[in-house]
Amino acid sequence: MRPKQFTLASVKTTPTASLLLSYVDGGQFEVSLVDTILKHPTLERLKDPEVFSSAKVGDHGASVIWANDDDLELAADNLRARAIEQAGGVSHEFIWNWMARNDLTIDAAAVALGVSRRMLAYYRSGSKPVPRTVALACLGWEEVIKNDLSCALAADIIGKFESVLASGSNHRR
């Protein structure tokens, strides 16, 4: 069963190559696909207003599909993430990408951010919105590690982080 926050209930198109998305959890978003269409040659046909306006909800609300063509399909979770980011928010994909970029387990990432493992799992799954403070903590943590900055707070965080790594926790991404 798909998570409600990633299951589409309806989709409408706009003349400006945007989608108005409604999800079964009540979330409503507008996402512009102009840049996406320009970046991906496989989506070239979506430049045609008639094709773009044929958007409909795919099987089980998992995607948006155009012209009944499986090659013209975008996943509902990715569309929601793009819409959140375009509106200035932080999507669940930010957490996934940060963890992957830094090769962090969920346990190590939770320690690095000073949040519980459960709360981080909520953010990562998209069940709860990612607060801007958490996104800033991710970016700050990367700077501390990348630049080997030393301060009492950084030393404390790094010490806790290293103890999680030493414990051999097998909770991966």
C-alpha atoms as a PDB file:
ATOM      1  CA  MET A   1       0.000   0.000   0.000  1.00  0.00           C
ATOM      2  CA  ARG A   2       1.363   3.411  -0.989  1.00  0.00           C
ATOM      3  CA  PRO A   3       1.833   6.055   1.689  1.00  0.00           C
ATOM      4  CA  LYS A   4      -1.024   8.590   1.572  1.00  0.00           C
ATOM      5  CA  GLN A   5       1.398  11.491   1.231  1.00  0.00           C
ATOM      6  CA  PHE A   6       2.645  10.002  -2.058  1.00  0.00           C
ATOM      7  CA  THR A   7      -0.678   8.848  -3.508  1.00  0.00           C
ATOM      8  CA  LEU A   8      -2.300  11.209  -5.982  1.00  0.00           C
ATOM      9  CA  ALA A   9      -6.037  11.812  -5.895  1.00  0.00           C
ATOM     10  CA  SER A  10      -6.166  14.198  -8.870  1.00  0.00           C
ATOM     11  CA  VAL A  11      -4.067  16.209 -11.284  1.00  0.00           C
ATOM     12  CA  LYS A  12      -4.855  19.281 -13.370  1.00  0.00           C
ATOM     13  CA  THR A  13      -2.637  21.013 -15.890  1.00  0.00           C
ATOM     14  CA  THR A  14      -2.016  24.708 -16.391  1.00  0.00           C
ATOM     15  CA  PRO A  15      -1.093  26.480 -19.640  1.00  0.00           C
ATOM     16  CA  THR A  16       2.346  27.256 -18.150  1.00  0.00           C
ATOM     17  CA  ALA A  17       3.498  23.603 -17.974  1.00  0.00           C
ATOM     18  CA  SER A  18       2.620  23.243 -14.300  1.00  0.00           C
ATOM     19  CA  LEU A  19       0.590  20.604 -12.535  1.00  0.00           C
ATOM     20  CA  LEU A  20      -1.928  21.167  -9.758  1.00  0.00           C
ATOM     21  CA  LEU A  21      -1.598  18.065  -7.617  1.00  0.00           C
ATOM     22  CA  SER A  22      -3.972  16.784  -4.932  1.00  0.00           C
ATOM     23  CA  TYR A  23      -2.856  13.900  -2.731  1.00  0.00           C
ATOM     24  CA  VAL A  24      -5.063  11.588  -0.696  1.00  0.00           C
ATOM     25  CA  ASP A  25      -3.594  12.969   2.547  1.00  0.00           C
ATOM     26  CA  GLY A  26      -5.132  16.353   1.629  1.00  0.00           C
ATOM     27  CA  GLY A  27      -1.891  17.921   0.435  1.00  0.00           C
ATOM     28  CA  GLN A  28      -2.269  20.255  -2.542  1.00  0.00           C
ATOM     29  CA  PHE A  29       0.698  21.488  -4.523  1.00  0.00           C
ATOM     30  CA  GLU A  30       1.600  23.241  -7.723  1.00  0.00           C
ATOM     31  CA  VAL A  31       4.746  22.088  -9.485  1.00  0.00           C
ATOM     32  CA  SER A  32       6.327  23.654 -12.555  1.00  0.00           C
ATOM     33  CA  LEU A  33       7.765  21.149 -14.992  1.00  0.00           C
ATOM     34  CA  VAL A  34       9.358  23.663 -17.384  1.00  0.00           C
ATOM     35  CA  ASP A  35      12.942  22.964 -16.252  1.00  0.00           C
ATOM     36  CA  THR A  36      12.337  19.218 -15.979  1.00  0.00           C
ATOM     37  CA  ILE A  37      10.994  19.053 -19.541  1.00  0.00           C
ATOM     38  CA  LEU A  38      13.940  21.064 -20.863  1.00  0.00           C
ATOM     39  CA  LYS A  39      16.524  18.920 -19.011  1.00  0.00           C
ATOM     40  CA  HIS A  40      15.235  15.506 -20.047  1.00  0.00           C
ATOM     41  CA  PRO A  41      15.052  14.684 -23.772  1.00  0.00           C
ATOM     42  CA  THR A  42      12.705  11.777 -23.016  1.00  0.00           C
ATOM     43  CA  LEU A  43      10.078  14.340 -21.997  1.00  0.00           C
ATOM     44  CA  GLU A  44      10.384  16.337 -25.243  1.00  0.00           C
ATOM     45  CA  ARG A  45       6.793  15.511 -26.245  1.00  0.00           C
ATOM     46  CA  LEU A  46       5.513  17.385 -23.175  1.00  0.00           C
ATOM     47  CA  LYS A  47       6.465  20.646 -24.909  1.00  0.00           C
ATOM     48  CA  ASP A  48       3.360  20.095 -27.034  1.00  0.00           C
ATOM     49  CA  PRO A  49       0.457  21.745 -25.118  1.00  0.00           C
ATOM     50  CA  GLU A  50      -1.976  19.096 -26.322  1.00  0.00           C
ATOM     51  CA  VAL A  51       0.194  16.276 -24.990  1.00  0.00           C
ATOM     52  CA  PHE A  52       0.891  18.132 -21.725  1.00  0.00           C
ATOM     53  CA  SER A  53      -2.822  18.735 -21.140  1.00  0.00           C
ATOM     54  CA  SER A  54      -3.468  14.968 -21.398  1.00  0.00           C
ATOM     55  CA  ALA A  55      -1.997  14.421 -17.903  1.00  0.00           C
ATOM     56  CA  LYS A  56      -3.875  11.994 -15.700  1.00  0.00           C
ATOM     57  CA  VAL A  57      -3.275  10.086 -12.488  1.00  0.00           C
ATOM     58  CA  GLY A  58      -1.454   6.799 -13.135  1.00  0.00           C
ATOM     59  CA  ASP A  59      -2.226   3.389 -11.664  1.00  0.00           C
ATOM     60  CA  HIS A  60      -2.936   3.412  -7.928  1.00  0.00           C
ATOM     61  CA  GLY A  61      -2.163   7.151  -7.740  1.00  0.00           C
ATOM     62  CA  ALA A  62       1.557   6.402  -7.969  1.00  0.00           C
ATOM     63  CA  SER A  63       2.327   8.748 -10.845  1.00  0.00           C
ATOM     64  CA  VAL A  64       1.198  11.214 -13.464  1.00  0.00           C
ATOM     65  CA  ILE A  65       1.108   9.840 -16.981  1.00  0.00           C
ATOM     66  CA  TRP A  66       0.639  11.638 -20.288  1.00  0.00           C
ATOM     67  CA  ALA A  67      -0.875  10.411 -23.563  1.00  0.00           C
ATOM     68  CA  ASN A  68      -1.228   6.897 -22.110  1.00  0.00           C
ATOM     69  CA  ASP A  69       2.526   6.531 -22.713  1.00  0.00           C
ATOM     70  CA  ASP A  70       4.601   4.801 -20.019  1.00  0.00           C
ATOM     71  CA  ASP A  71       7.640   6.751 -21.240  1.00  0.00           C
ATOM     72  CA  LEU A  72       5.842   9.968 -20.255  1.00  0.00           C
ATOM     73  CA  GLU A  73       5.370   9.234 -16.579  1.00  0.00           C
ATOM     74  CA  LEU A  74       6.608  10.977 -13.432  1.00  0.00           C
ATOM     75  CA  ALA A  75       6.369   9.490  -9.948  1.00  0.00           C
ATOM     76  CA  ALA A  76       4.004  11.089  -7.439  1.00  0.00           C
ATOM     77  CA  ASP A  77       6.625  11.198  -4.660  1.00  0.00           C
ATOM     78  CA  ASN A  78       9.141  12.998  -6.879  1.00  0.00           C
ATOM     79  CA  LEU A  79       6.508  15.493  -8.014  1.00  0.00           C
ATOM     80  CA  ARG A  80       5.589  16.276  -4.409  1.00  0.00           C
ATOM     81  CA  ALA A  81       9.253  16.722  -3.499  1.00  0.00           C
ATOM     82  CA  ARG A  82       9.780  19.125  -6.436  1.00  0.00           C
ATOM     83  CA  ALA A  83       6.671  21.099  -5.500  1.00  0.00           C
ATOM     84  CA  ILE A  84       7.838  21.453  -1.877  1.00  0.00           C
ATOM     85  CA  GLU A  85      11.290  22.575  -3.003  1.00  0.00           C
ATOM     86  CA  GLN A  86       9.881  25.033  -5.551  1.00  0.00           C
ATOM     87  CA  ALA A  87       7.775  26.559  -2.770  1.00  0.00           C
ATOM     88  CA  GLY A  88      10.918  27.085  -0.678  1.00  0.00           C
ATOM     89  CA  GLY A  89      10.503  24.068   1.586  1.00  0.00           C
ATOM     90  CA  VAL A  90      12.710  21.062   2.236  1.00  0.00           C
ATOM     91  CA  SER A  91      11.604  17.702   0.860  1.00  0.00           C
ATOM     92  CA  HIS A  92      12.221  14.203   2.199  1.00  0.00           C
ATOM     93  CA  GLU A  93      14.621  13.679  -0.712  1.00  0.00           C
ATOM     94  CA  PHE A  94      16.974  16.261   0.828  1.00  0.00           C
ATOM     95  CA  ILE A  95      17.438  13.951   3.840  1.00  0.00           C
ATOM     96  CA  TRP A  96      17.972  10.893   1.630  1.00  0.00           C
ATOM     97  CA  ASN A  97      20.525  12.745  -0.495  1.00  0.00           C
ATOM     98  CA  TRP A  98      22.360  14.149   2.543  1.00  0.00           C
ATOM     99  CA  MET A  99      22.626  10.716   4.132  1.00  0.00           C
ATOM    100  CA  ALA A 100      23.825   9.105   0.878  1.00  0.00           C
ATOM    101  CA  ARG A 101      26.323  11.891   0.157  1.00  0.00           C
ATOM    102  CA  ASN A 102      27.826  11.403   3.613  1.00  0.00           C
ATOM    103  CA  ASP A 103      27.433   7.602   3.738  1.00  0.00           C
ATOM    104  CA  LEU A 104      25.414   7.804   6.954  1.00  0.00           C
ATOM    105  CA  THR A 105      23.268   5.169   8.573  1.00  0.00           C
ATOM    106  CA  ILE A 106      20.003   6.339  10.048  1.00  0.00           C
ATOM    107  CA  ASP A 107      21.509   5.960  13.533  1.00  0.00           C
ATOM    108  CA  ALA A 108      24.599   8.006  12.680  1.00  0.00           C
ATOM    109  CA  ALA A 109      22.529  10.660  10.912  1.00  0.00           C
ATOM    110  CA  ALA A 110      20.186  10.989  13.906  1.00  0.00           C
ATOM    111  CA  VAL A 111      23.143  11.480  16.245  1.00  0.00           C
ATOM    112  CA  ALA A 112      24.766  13.975  13.868  1.00  0.00           C
ATOM    113  CA  LEU A 113      21.565  16.030  13.766  1.00  0.00           C
ATOM    114  CA  GLY A 114      20.620  15.651  17.417  1.00  0.00           C
ATOM    115  CA  VAL A 115      17.208  14.158  16.629  1.00  0.00           C
ATOM    116  CA  SER A 116      15.706  10.811  17.484  1.00  0.00           C
ATOM    117  CA  ARG A 117      16.025   7.960  15.028  1.00  0.00           C
ATOM    118  CA  ARG A 118      12.226   7.817  14.788  1.00  0.00           C
ATOM    119  CA  MET A 119      11.865  11.508  13.937  1.00  0.00           C
ATOM    120  CA  LEU A 120      14.572  11.249  11.288  1.00  0.00           C
ATOM    121  CA  ALA A 121      12.733   8.248   9.815  1.00  0.00           C
ATOM    122  CA  TYR A 122       9.551  10.375   9.647  1.00  0.00           C
ATOM    123  CA  TYR A 123      11.404  13.144   7.812  1.00  0.00           C
ATOM    124  CA  ARG A 124      13.117  10.703   5.477  1.00  0.00           C
ATOM    125  CA  SER A 125       9.874   8.931   4.591  1.00  0.00           C
ATOM    126  CA  GLY A 126       7.990  12.157   3.938  1.00  0.00           C
ATOM    127  CA  SER A 127       5.524  11.375   6.747  1.00  0.00           C
ATOM    128  CA  LYS A 128       6.444  14.634   8.468  1.00  0.00           C
ATOM    129  CA  PRO A 129       7.744  17.831   6.874  1.00  0.00           C
ATOM    130  CA  VAL A 130      11.469  18.489   7.207  1.00  0.00           C
ATOM    131  CA  PRO A 131      11.953  21.615   9.339  1.00  0.00           C
ATOM    132  CA  ARG A 132      14.294  24.247   7.943  1.00  0.00           C
ATOM    133  CA  THR A 133      16.369  23.921  11.140  1.00  0.00           C
ATOM    134  CA  VAL A 134      17.037  20.259  10.349  1.00  0.00           C
ATOM    135  CA  ALA A 135      18.085  21.110   6.781  1.00  0.00           C
ATOM    136  CA  LEU A 136      20.413  23.805   8.129  1.00  0.00           C
ATOM    137  CA  ALA A 137      21.825  21.312  10.647  1.00  0.00           C
ATOM    138  CA  CYS A 138      22.577  18.923   7.750  1.00  0.00           C
ATOM    139  CA  LEU A 139      24.448  21.645   5.887  1.00  0.00           C
ATOM    140  CA  GLY A 140      26.276  22.751   9.037  1.00  0.00           C
ATOM    141  CA  TRP A 141      27.298  19.187   9.857  1.00  0.00           C
ATOM    142  CA  GLU A 142      28.781  18.802   6.370  1.00  0.00           C
ATOM    143  CA  GLU A 143      30.805  22.004   6.830  1.00  0.00           C
ATOM    144  CA  VAL A 144      32.142  20.841  10.200  1.00  0.00           C
ATOM    145  CA  ILE A 145      33.201  17.482   8.751  1.00  0.00           C
ATOM    146  CA  LYS A 146      34.485  18.854   5.434  1.00  0.00           C
ATOM    147  CA  ASN A 147      36.527  21.654   6.978  1.00  0.00           C
ATOM    148  CA  ASP A 148      37.536  19.770  10.124  1.00  0.00           C
ATOM    149  CA  LEU A 149      36.252  22.657  12.234  1.00  0.00           C
ATOM    150  CA  SER A 150      36.849  22.329  15.906  1.00  0.00           C
ATOM    151  CA  CYS A 151      34.691  23.701  18.659  1.00  0.00           C
ATOM    152  CA  ALA A 152      33.176  22.180  21.762  1.00  0.00           C
ATOM    153  CA  LEU A 153      29.814  21.508  20.108  1.00  0.00           C
ATOM    154  CA  ALA A 154      31.409  19.967  17.018  1.00  0.00           C
ATOM    155  CA  ALA A 155      33.683  17.816  19.202  1.00  0.00           C
ATOM    156  CA  ASP A 156      30.684  16.573  21.186  1.00  0.00           C
ATOM    157  CA  ILE A 157      28.695  15.749  18.043  1.00  0.00           C
ATOM    158  CA  ILE A 158      31.652  14.067  16.355  1.00  0.00           C
ATOM    159  CA  GLY A 159      32.378  12.063  19.510  1.00  0.00           C
ATOM    160  CA  LYS A 160      28.794  10.758  19.633  1.00  0.00           C
ATOM    161  CA  PHE A 161      28.886  10.110  15.903  1.00  0.00           C
ATOM    162  CA  GLU A 162      32.119   8.110  16.175  1.00  0.00           C
ATOM    163  CA  SER A 163      30.676   6.021  19.020  1.00  0.00           C
ATOM    164  CA  VAL A 164      27.693   5.103  16.840  1.00  0.00           C
ATOM    165  CA  LEU A 165      30.085   4.061  14.069  1.00  0.00           C
ATOM    166  CA  ALA A 166      32.212   2.065  16.508  1.00  0.00           C
ATOM    167  CA  SER A 167      29.171   0.220  17.815  1.00  0.00           C
ATOM    168  CA  GLY A 168      28.760  -1.292  14.370  1.00  0.00           C
ATOM    169  CA  SER A 169      25.119  -0.365  14.082  1.00  0.00           C
ATOM    170  CA  ASN A 170      23.719  -2.146  11.051  1.00  0.00           C
ATOM    171  CA  HIS A 171      20.757   0.203  10.535  1.00  0.00           C
ATOM    172  CA  ARG A 172      21.571   1.383   7.044  1.00  0.00           C
ATOM    173  CA  ARG A 173      19.765   3.790   4.778  1.00  0.00           C
END
